[in-house]
């Protein structure tokens, strides 16, 4: 199981955390991995960045996630993890 927490604190909320949550839900369904991830919101993760949203995947914190770089982030940091766990 891969645990994904999206910061929904005030700073990330203003930078589009709701968009990132929606993209995560859509991508998980598209790739058929919705049952392999636990998606939750989190108040400030403590790694605020000037651009984008902070997302924690298991113990790794990623900053600056935007609609524009989401696909790359998802494939590298979530999809690959799920595929590794399925092996």
PDB file of N, CA and C in Angstrom:
ATOM      1  N   UNK A   1       0.848  -1.177   0.000  1.00  0.00           N
ATOM      2  CA  UNK A   1       0.000   0.000   0.000  1.00  0.00           C
ATOM      3  C   UNK A   1       0.895   1.242   0.000  1.00  0.00           C
ATOM      4  N   UNK A   2       0.563   2.186  -0.857  1.00  0.00           N
ATOM      5  CA  UNK A   2       1.296   3.446  -0.934  1.00  0.00           C
ATOM      6  C   UNK A   2       0.421   4.533  -0.298  1.00  0.00           C
ATOM      7  N   UNK A   3       0.995   5.256   0.645  1.00  0.00           N
ATOM      8  CA  UNK A   3       0.267   6.308   1.358  1.00  0.00           C
ATOM      9  C   UNK A   3       0.626   7.666   0.772  1.00  0.00           C
ATOM     10  N   UNK A   4      -0.389   8.394   0.319  1.00  0.00           N
ATOM     11  CA  UNK A   4      -0.196   9.696  -0.329  1.00  0.00           C
ATOM     12  C   UNK A   4      -0.969  10.739   0.465  1.00  0.00           C
ATOM     13  N   UNK A   5      -0.240  11.732   0.975  1.00  0.00           N
ATOM     14  CA  UNK A   5      -0.865  12.831   1.721  1.00  0.00           C
ATOM     15  C   UNK A   5      -0.643  14.120   0.948  1.00  0.00           C
ATOM     16  N   UNK A   6      -1.717  14.817   0.672  1.00  0.00           N
ATOM     17  CA  UNK A   6      -1.638  16.099  -0.020  1.00  0.00           C
ATOM     18  C   UNK A   6      -1.854  17.191   1.014  1.00  0.00           C
ATOM     19  N   UNK A   7      -0.942  18.127   1.057  1.00  0.00           N
ATOM     20  CA  UNK A   7      -1.104  19.251   1.982  1.00  0.00           C
ATOM     21  C   UNK A   7      -2.315  20.079   1.548  1.00  0.00           C
ATOM     22  N   UNK A   8      -3.197  20.345   2.486  1.00  0.00           N
ATOM     23  CA  UNK A   8      -4.351  21.193   2.231  1.00  0.00           C
ATOM     24  C   UNK A   8      -4.333  22.404   3.158  1.00  0.00           C
ATOM     25  N   UNK A   9      -3.148  22.693   3.710  1.00  0.00           N
ATOM     26  CA  UNK A   9      -2.987  23.891   4.528  1.00  0.00           C
ATOM     27  C   UNK A   9      -3.214  25.130   3.687  1.00  0.00           C
ATOM     28  N   UNK A  10      -3.289  26.269   4.313  1.00  0.00           N
ATOM     29  CA  UNK A  10      -3.679  27.494   3.607  1.00  0.00           C
ATOM     30  C   UNK A  10      -2.778  27.820   2.414  1.00  0.00           C
ATOM     31  N   UNK A  11      -1.476  27.675   2.561  1.00  0.00           N
ATOM     32  CA  UNK A  11      -0.560  28.006   1.461  1.00  0.00           C
ATOM     33  C   UNK A  11      -0.771  27.074   0.271  1.00  0.00           C
ATOM     34  N   UNK A  12      -0.797  25.760   0.521  1.00  0.00           N
ATOM     35  CA  UNK A  12      -0.985  24.800  -0.570  1.00  0.00           C
ATOM     36  C   UNK A  12      -2.401  24.877  -1.141  1.00  0.00           C
ATOM     37  N   UNK A  13      -3.358  25.179  -0.281  1.00  0.00           N
ATOM     38  CA  UNK A  13      -4.736  25.337  -0.765  1.00  0.00           C
ATOM     39  C   UNK A  13      -4.794  26.446  -1.813  1.00  0.00           C
ATOM     40  N   UNK A  14      -4.136  27.551  -1.524  1.00  0.00           N
ATOM     41  CA  UNK A  14      -4.122  28.675  -2.463  1.00  0.00           C
ATOM     42  C   UNK A  14      -3.360  28.348  -3.749  1.00  0.00           C
ATOM     43  N   UNK A  15      -2.443  27.394  -3.677  1.00  0.00           N
ATOM     44  CA  UNK A  15      -1.641  27.023  -4.849  1.00  0.00           C
ATOM     45  C   UNK A  15      -2.214  25.828  -5.601  1.00  0.00           C
ATOM     46  N   UNK A  16      -3.413  25.373  -5.219  1.00  0.00           N
ATOM     47  CA  UNK A  16      -4.087  24.369  -6.028  1.00  0.00           C
ATOM     48  C   UNK A  16      -4.124  22.958  -5.494  1.00  0.00           C
ATOM     49  N   UNK A  17      -4.114  22.779  -4.178  1.00  0.00           N
ATOM     50  CA  UNK A  17      -4.128  21.418  -3.642  1.00  0.00           C
ATOM     51  C   UNK A  17      -5.377  20.639  -4.082  1.00  0.00           C
ATOM     52  N   UNK A  18      -6.508  21.304  -4.241  1.00  0.00           N
ATOM     53  CA  UNK A  18      -7.717  20.611  -4.692  1.00  0.00           C
ATOM     54  C   UNK A  18      -7.520  20.057  -6.100  1.00  0.00           C
ATOM     55  N   UNK A  19      -6.843  20.810  -6.965  1.00  0.00           N
ATOM     56  CA  UNK A  19      -6.548  20.318  -8.316  1.00  0.00           C
ATOM     57  C   UNK A  19      -5.675  19.069  -8.267  1.00  0.00           C
ATOM     58  N   UNK A  20      -4.688  19.063  -7.382  1.00  0.00           N
ATOM     59  CA  UNK A  20      -3.778  17.922  -7.259  1.00  0.00           C
ATOM     60  C   UNK A  20      -4.533  16.700  -6.736  1.00  0.00           C
ATOM     61  N   UNK A  21      -5.421  16.895  -5.784  1.00  0.00           N
ATOM     62  CA  UNK A  21      -6.240  15.788  -5.276  1.00  0.00           C
ATOM     63  C   UNK A  21      -7.073  15.199  -6.415  1.00  0.00           C
ATOM     64  N   UNK A  22      -7.692  16.056  -7.199  1.00  0.00           N
ATOM     65  CA  UNK A  22      -8.514  15.575  -8.320  1.00  0.00           C
ATOM     66  C   UNK A  22      -7.662  14.825  -9.343  1.00  0.00           C
ATOM     67  N   UNK A  23      -6.490  15.343  -9.653  1.00  0.00           N
ATOM     68  CA  UNK A  23      -5.594  14.665 -10.588  1.00  0.00           C
ATOM     69  C   UNK A  23      -5.148  13.309 -10.052  1.00  0.00           C
ATOM     70  N   UNK A  24      -4.883  13.235  -8.755  1.00  0.00           N
ATOM     71  CA  UNK A  24      -4.501  11.961  -8.142  1.00  0.00           C
ATOM     72  C   UNK A  24      -5.634  10.947  -8.248  1.00  0.00           C
ATOM     73  N   UNK A  25      -6.846  11.368  -7.947  1.00  0.00           N
ATOM     74  CA  UNK A  25      -7.998  10.471  -8.038  1.00  0.00           C
ATOM     75  C   UNK A  25      -8.202   9.990  -9.474  1.00  0.00           C
ATOM     76  N   UNK A  26      -8.125  10.903 -10.429  1.00  0.00           N
ATOM     77  CA  UNK A  26      -8.312  10.547 -11.836  1.00  0.00           C
ATOM     78  C   UNK A  26      -7.216   9.605 -12.321  1.00  0.00           C
ATOM     79  N   UNK A  27      -5.971   9.900 -11.972  1.00  0.00           N
ATOM     80  CA  UNK A  27      -4.848   9.086 -12.426  1.00  0.00           C
ATOM     81  C   UNK A  27      -4.872   7.706 -11.793  1.00  0.00           C
ATOM     82  N   UNK A  28      -5.224   7.624 -10.520  1.00  0.00           N
ATOM     83  CA  UNK A  28      -5.321   6.322  -9.851  1.00  0.00           C
ATOM     84  C   UNK A  28      -6.379   5.463 -10.525  1.00  0.00           C
ATOM     85  N   UNK A  29      -7.497   6.056 -10.895  1.00  0.00           N
ATOM     86  CA  UNK A  29      -8.551   5.314 -11.589  1.00  0.00           C
ATOM     87  C   UNK A  29      -8.091   4.921 -12.995  1.00  0.00           C
ATOM     88  N   UNK A  30      -7.452   5.855 -13.687  1.00  0.00           N
ATOM     89  CA  UNK A  30      -6.988   5.604 -15.058  1.00  0.00           C
ATOM     90  C   UNK A  30      -6.001   4.437 -15.126  1.00  0.00           C
ATOM     91  N   UNK A  31      -5.098   4.357 -14.157  1.00  0.00           N
ATOM     92  CA  UNK A  31      -4.078   3.309 -14.145  1.00  0.00           C
ATOM     93  C   UNK A  31      -4.498   2.068 -13.346  1.00  0.00           C
ATOM     94  N   UNK A  32      -5.709   2.090 -12.803  1.00  0.00           N
ATOM     95  CA  UNK A  32      -6.222   0.939 -12.077  1.00  0.00           C
ATOM     96  C   UNK A  32      -5.509   0.653 -10.769  1.00  0.00           C
ATOM     97  N   UNK A  33      -5.075   1.721 -10.090  1.00  0.00           N
ATOM     98  CA  UNK A  33      -4.339   1.525  -8.832  1.00  0.00           C
ATOM     99  C   UNK A  33      -5.051   2.141  -7.630  1.00  0.00           C
ATOM    100  N   UNK A  34      -6.308   2.496  -7.799  1.00  0.00           N
ATOM    101  CA  UNK A  34      -7.043   3.154  -6.708  1.00  0.00           C
ATOM    102  C   UNK A  34      -7.061   2.309  -5.439  1.00  0.00           C
ATOM    103  N   UNK A  35      -7.077   0.983  -5.580  1.00  0.00           N
ATOM    104  CA  UNK A  35      -7.093   0.113  -4.403  1.00  0.00           C
ATOM    105  C   UNK A  35      -5.711  -0.082  -3.794  1.00  0.00           C
ATOM    106  N   UNK A  36      -4.674   0.434  -4.473  1.00  0.00           N
ATOM    107  CA  UNK A  36      -3.297   0.264  -4.004  1.00  0.00           C
ATOM    108  C   UNK A  36      -2.744   1.491  -3.289  1.00  0.00           C
ATOM    109  N   UNK A  37      -3.532   2.579  -3.267  1.00  0.00           N
ATOM    110  CA  UNK A  37      -3.064   3.789  -2.589  1.00  0.00           C
ATOM    111  C   UNK A  37      -4.085   4.236  -1.556  1.00  0.00           C
ATOM    112  N   UNK A  38      -3.563   4.896  -0.535  1.00  0.00           N
ATOM    113  CA  UNK A  38      -4.411   5.538   0.476  1.00  0.00           C
ATOM    114  C   UNK A  38      -4.163   7.034   0.317  1.00  0.00           C
ATOM    115  N   UNK A  39      -5.172   7.742  -0.140  1.00  0.00           N
ATOM    116  CA  UNK A  39      -5.072   9.173  -0.394  1.00  0.00           C
ATOM    117  C   UNK A  39      -5.734   9.931   0.738  1.00  0.00           C
ATOM    118  N   UNK A  40      -4.994  10.873   1.314  1.00  0.00           N
ATOM    119  CA  UNK A  40      -5.559  11.674   2.402  1.00  0.00           C
ATOM    120  C   UNK A  40      -5.038  13.097   2.326  1.00  0.00           C
ATOM    121  N   UNK A  41      -5.727  13.977   3.006  1.00  0.00           N
ATOM    122  CA  UNK A  41      -5.294  15.357   3.127  1.00  0.00           C
ATOM    123  C   UNK A  41      -4.520  15.526   4.424  1.00  0.00           C
ATOM    124  N   UNK A  42      -3.673  16.521   4.451  1.00  0.00           N
ATOM    125  CA  UNK A  42      -2.884  16.800   5.639  1.00  0.00           C
ATOM    126  C   UNK A  42      -2.733  18.307   5.768  1.00  0.00           C
ATOM    127  N   UNK A  43      -2.787  18.777   7.000  1.00  0.00           N
ATOM    128  CA  UNK A  43      -2.463  20.186   7.174  1.00  0.00           C
ATOM    129  C   UNK A  43      -0.958  20.327   7.039  1.00  0.00           C
ATOM    130  N   UNK A  44      -0.439  21.488   7.115  1.00  0.00           N
ATOM    131  CA  UNK A  44       0.938  21.808   6.752  1.00  0.00           C
ATOM    132  C   UNK A  44       1.928  20.678   7.061  1.00  0.00           C
ATOM    133  N   UNK A  45       2.635  20.277   6.025  1.00  0.00           N
ATOM    134  CA  UNK A  45       3.664  19.240   6.148  1.00  0.00           C
ATOM    135  C   UNK A  45       4.997  19.883   6.552  1.00  0.00           C
ATOM    136  N   UNK A  46       5.063  21.212   6.467  1.00  0.00           N
ATOM    137  CA  UNK A  46       6.243  21.935   6.922  1.00  0.00           C
ATOM    138  C   UNK A  46       7.315  22.151   5.861  1.00  0.00           C
ATOM    139  N   UNK A  47       6.954  21.972   4.609  1.00  0.00           N
ATOM    140  CA  UNK A  47       7.918  22.158   3.517  1.00  0.00           C
ATOM    141  C   UNK A  47       7.351  23.114   2.478  1.00  0.00           C
ATOM    142  N   UNK A  48       6.748  24.191   2.910  1.00  0.00           N
ATOM    143  CA  UNK A  48       6.121  25.140   1.996  1.00  0.00           C
ATOM    144  C   UNK A  48       7.123  25.602   0.939  1.00  0.00           C
ATOM    145  N   UNK A  49       6.621  25.816  -0.248  1.00  0.00           N
ATOM    146  CA  UNK A  49       7.436  26.212  -1.381  1.00  0.00           C
ATOM    147  C   UNK A  49       6.735  27.378  -2.077  1.00  0.00           C
ATOM    148  N   UNK A  50       7.461  28.142  -2.814  1.00  0.00           N
ATOM    149  CA  UNK A  50       6.848  29.280  -3.507  1.00  0.00           C
ATOM    150  C   UNK A  50       5.897  28.841  -4.607  1.00  0.00           C
ATOM    151  N   UNK A  51       6.178  27.706  -5.200  1.00  0.00           N
ATOM    152  CA  UNK A  51       5.373  27.220  -6.326  1.00  0.00           C
ATOM    153  C   UNK A  51       4.824  25.848  -5.990  1.00  0.00           C
ATOM    154  N   UNK A  52       3.566  25.629  -6.275  1.00  0.00           N
ATOM    155  CA  UNK A  52       2.987  24.298  -6.187  1.00  0.00           C
ATOM    156  C   UNK A  52       2.652  23.823  -4.795  1.00  0.00           C
ATOM    157  N   UNK A  53       2.262  22.551  -4.772  1.00  0.00           N
ATOM    158  CA  UNK A  53       1.703  21.904  -3.581  1.00  0.00           C
ATOM    159  C   UNK A  53       2.708  20.884  -3.044  1.00  0.00           C
ATOM    160  N   UNK A  54       2.689  20.672  -1.739  1.00  0.00           N
ATOM    161  CA  UNK A  54       3.537  19.669  -1.109  1.00  0.00           C
ATOM    162  C   UNK A  54       2.749  18.368  -0.987  1.00  0.00           C
ATOM    163  N   UNK A  55       3.381  17.267  -1.416  1.00  0.00           N
ATOM    164  CA  UNK A  55       2.758  15.949  -1.364  1.00  0.00           C
ATOM    165  C   UNK A  55       3.743  14.982  -0.725  1.00  0.00           C
ATOM    166  N   UNK A  56       3.271  14.238   0.262  1.00  0.00           N
ATOM    167  CA  UNK A  56       4.101  13.226   0.901  1.00  0.00           C
ATOM    168  C   UNK A  56       3.660  11.851   0.405  1.00  0.00           C
ATOM    169  N   UNK A  57       4.634  11.072  -0.100  1.00  0.00           N
ATOM    170  CA  UNK A  57       4.381   9.715  -0.566  1.00  0.00           C
ATOM    171  C   UNK A  57       5.176   8.793   0.348  1.00  0.00           C
ATOM    172  N   UNK A  58       4.454   8.007   1.144  1.00  0.00           N
ATOM    173  CA  UNK A  58       5.067   7.227   2.221  1.00  0.00           C
ATOM    174  C   UNK A  58       5.889   8.185   3.071  1.00  0.00           C
ATOM    175  N   UNK A  59       7.200   8.030   3.150  1.00  0.00           N
ATOM    176  CA  UNK A  59       8.010   8.925   3.989  1.00  0.00           C
ATOM    177  C   UNK A  59       8.699  10.032   3.205  1.00  0.00           C
ATOM    178  N   UNK A  60       8.508  10.073   1.890  1.00  0.00           N
ATOM    179  CA  UNK A  60       9.188  11.054   1.045  1.00  0.00           C
ATOM    180  C   UNK A  60       8.304  12.268   0.793  1.00  0.00           C
ATOM    181  N   UNK A  61       8.862  13.460   1.039  1.00  0.00           N
ATOM    182  CA  UNK A  61       8.132  14.710   0.842  1.00  0.00           C
ATOM    183  C   UNK A  61       8.572  15.342  -0.477  1.00  0.00           C
ATOM    184  N   UNK A  62       7.599  15.700  -1.300  1.00  0.00           N
ATOM    185  CA  UNK A  62       7.850  16.310  -2.608  1.00  0.00           C
ATOM    186  C   UNK A  62       7.193  17.685  -2.612  1.00  0.00           C
ATOM    187  N   UNK A  63       7.931  18.684  -3.034  1.00  0.00           N
ATOM    188  CA  UNK A  63       7.407  20.054  -3.062  1.00  0.00           C
ATOM    189  C   UNK A  63       7.266  20.527  -4.497  1.00  0.00           C
ATOM    190  N   UNK A  64       6.426  21.536  -4.673  1.00  0.00           N
ATOM    191  CA  UNK A  64       6.302  22.173  -5.985  1.00  0.00           C
ATOM    192  C   UNK A  64       5.496  21.388  -6.999  1.00  0.00           C
ATOM    193  N   UNK A  65       4.546  20.587  -6.551  1.00  0.00           N
ATOM    194  CA  UNK A  65       3.734  19.808  -7.484  1.00  0.00           C
ATOM    195  C   UNK A  65       2.642  20.712  -8.056  1.00  0.00           C
ATOM    196  N   UNK A  66       2.594  20.774  -9.378  1.00  0.00           N
ATOM    197  CA  UNK A  66       1.625  21.621 -10.084  1.00  0.00           C
ATOM    198  C   UNK A  66       0.887  20.780 -11.124  1.00  0.00           C
ATOM    199  N   UNK A  67      -0.131  21.355 -11.717  1.00  0.00           N
ATOM    200  CA  UNK A  67      -0.840  20.666 -12.806  1.00  0.00           C
ATOM    201  C   UNK A  67       0.137  20.337 -13.938  1.00  0.00           C
ATOM    202  N   UNK A  68       1.073  21.238 -14.172  1.00  0.00           N
ATOM    203  CA  UNK A  68       2.004  21.071 -15.290  1.00  0.00           C
ATOM    204  C   UNK A  68       2.999  19.925 -15.077  1.00  0.00           C
ATOM    205  N   UNK A  69       3.462  19.715 -13.866  1.00  0.00           N
ATOM    206  CA  UNK A  69       4.455  18.658 -13.639  1.00  0.00           C
ATOM    207  C   UNK A  69       3.854  17.423 -12.960  1.00  0.00           C
ATOM    208  N   UNK A  70       2.523  17.409 -12.831  1.00  0.00           N
ATOM    209  CA  UNK A  70       1.871  16.327 -12.109  1.00  0.00           C
ATOM    210  C   UNK A  70       2.117  14.958 -12.737  1.00  0.00           C
ATOM    211  N   UNK A  71       1.947  14.828 -14.051  1.00  0.00           N
ATOM    212  CA  UNK A  71       2.078  13.515 -14.712  1.00  0.00           C
ATOM    213  C   UNK A  71       3.437  12.881 -14.431  1.00  0.00           C
ATOM    214  N   UNK A  72       4.481  13.664 -14.580  1.00  0.00           N
ATOM    215  CA  UNK A  72       5.835  13.158 -14.325  1.00  0.00           C
ATOM    216  C   UNK A  72       5.978  12.732 -12.863  1.00  0.00           C
ATOM    217  N   UNK A  73       5.510  13.580 -11.951  1.00  0.00           N
ATOM    218  CA  UNK A  73       5.547  13.262 -10.522  1.00  0.00           C
ATOM    219  C   UNK A  73       4.798  11.962 -10.237  1.00  0.00           C
ATOM    220  N   UNK A  74       3.592  11.838 -10.780  1.00  0.00           N
ATOM    221  CA  UNK A  74       2.758  10.670 -10.514  1.00  0.00           C
ATOM    222  C   UNK A  74       3.429   9.390 -11.006  1.00  0.00           C
ATOM    223  N   UNK A  75       3.901   9.416 -12.227  1.00  0.00           N
ATOM    224  CA  UNK A  75       4.507   8.204 -12.802  1.00  0.00           C
ATOM    225  C   UNK A  75       5.754   7.778 -12.033  1.00  0.00           C
ATOM    226  N   UNK A  76       6.588   8.746 -11.673  1.00  0.00           N
ATOM    227  CA  UNK A  76       7.862   8.432 -11.015  1.00  0.00           C
ATOM    228  C   UNK A  76       7.693   8.078  -9.539  1.00  0.00           C
ATOM    229  N   UNK A  77       6.820   8.778  -8.849  1.00  0.00           N
ATOM    230  CA  UNK A  77       6.763   8.658  -7.391  1.00  0.00           C
ATOM    231  C   UNK A  77       5.598   7.863  -6.831  1.00  0.00           C
ATOM    232  N   UNK A  78       4.597   7.606  -7.640  1.00  0.00           N
ATOM    233  CA  UNK A  78       3.462   6.823  -7.151  1.00  0.00           C
ATOM    234  C   UNK A  78       3.287   5.552  -7.977  1.00  0.00           C
ATOM    235  N   UNK A  79       3.144   5.701  -9.276  1.00  0.00           N
ATOM    236  CA  UNK A  79       2.908   4.541 -10.130  1.00  0.00           C
ATOM    237  C   UNK A  79       4.046   3.528 -10.031  1.00  0.00           C
ATOM    238  N   UNK A  80       5.288   3.996 -10.070  1.00  0.00           N
ATOM    239  CA  UNK A  80       6.430   3.078  -9.964  1.00  0.00           C
ATOM    240  C   UNK A  80       6.446   2.359  -8.617  1.00  0.00           C
ATOM    241  N   UNK A  81       6.096   3.061  -7.534  1.00  0.00           N
ATOM    242  CA  UNK A  81       6.036   2.434  -6.210  1.00  0.00           C
ATOM    243  C   UNK A  81       4.986   1.330  -6.163  1.00  0.00           C
ATOM    244  N   UNK A  82       3.810   1.619  -6.713  1.00  0.00           N
ATOM    245  CA  UNK A  82       2.742   0.617  -6.720  1.00  0.00           C
ATOM    246  C   UNK A  82       3.176  -0.586  -7.535  1.00  0.00           C
ATOM    247  N   UNK A  83       3.786  -0.354  -8.686  1.00  0.00           N
ATOM    248  CA  UNK A  83       4.238  -1.467  -9.524  1.00  0.00           C
ATOM    249  C   UNK A  83       5.292  -2.312  -8.809  1.00  0.00           C
ATOM    250  N   UNK A  84       6.184  -1.674  -8.067  1.00  0.00           N
ATOM    251  CA  UNK A  84       7.200  -2.406  -7.299  1.00  0.00           C
ATOM    252  C   UNK A  84       6.541  -3.254  -6.209  1.00  0.00           C
ATOM    253  N   UNK A  85       5.550  -2.703  -5.544  1.00  0.00           N
ATOM    254  CA  UNK A  85       4.876  -3.440  -4.469  1.00  0.00           C
ATOM    255  C   UNK A  85       4.073  -4.628  -4.997  1.00  0.00           C
ATOM    256  N   UNK A  86       3.611  -4.523  -6.220  1.00  0.00           N
ATOM    257  CA  UNK A  86       2.813  -5.603  -6.816  1.00  0.00           C
ATOM    258  C   UNK A  86       3.681  -6.810  -7.198  1.00  0.00           C
ATOM    259  N   UNK A  87       4.982  -6.614  -7.321  1.00  0.00           N
ATOM    260  CA  UNK A  87       5.883  -7.701  -7.739  1.00  0.00           C
ATOM    261  C   UNK A  87       6.080  -8.722  -6.652  1.00  0.00           C
TER     262      UNK A  87
END
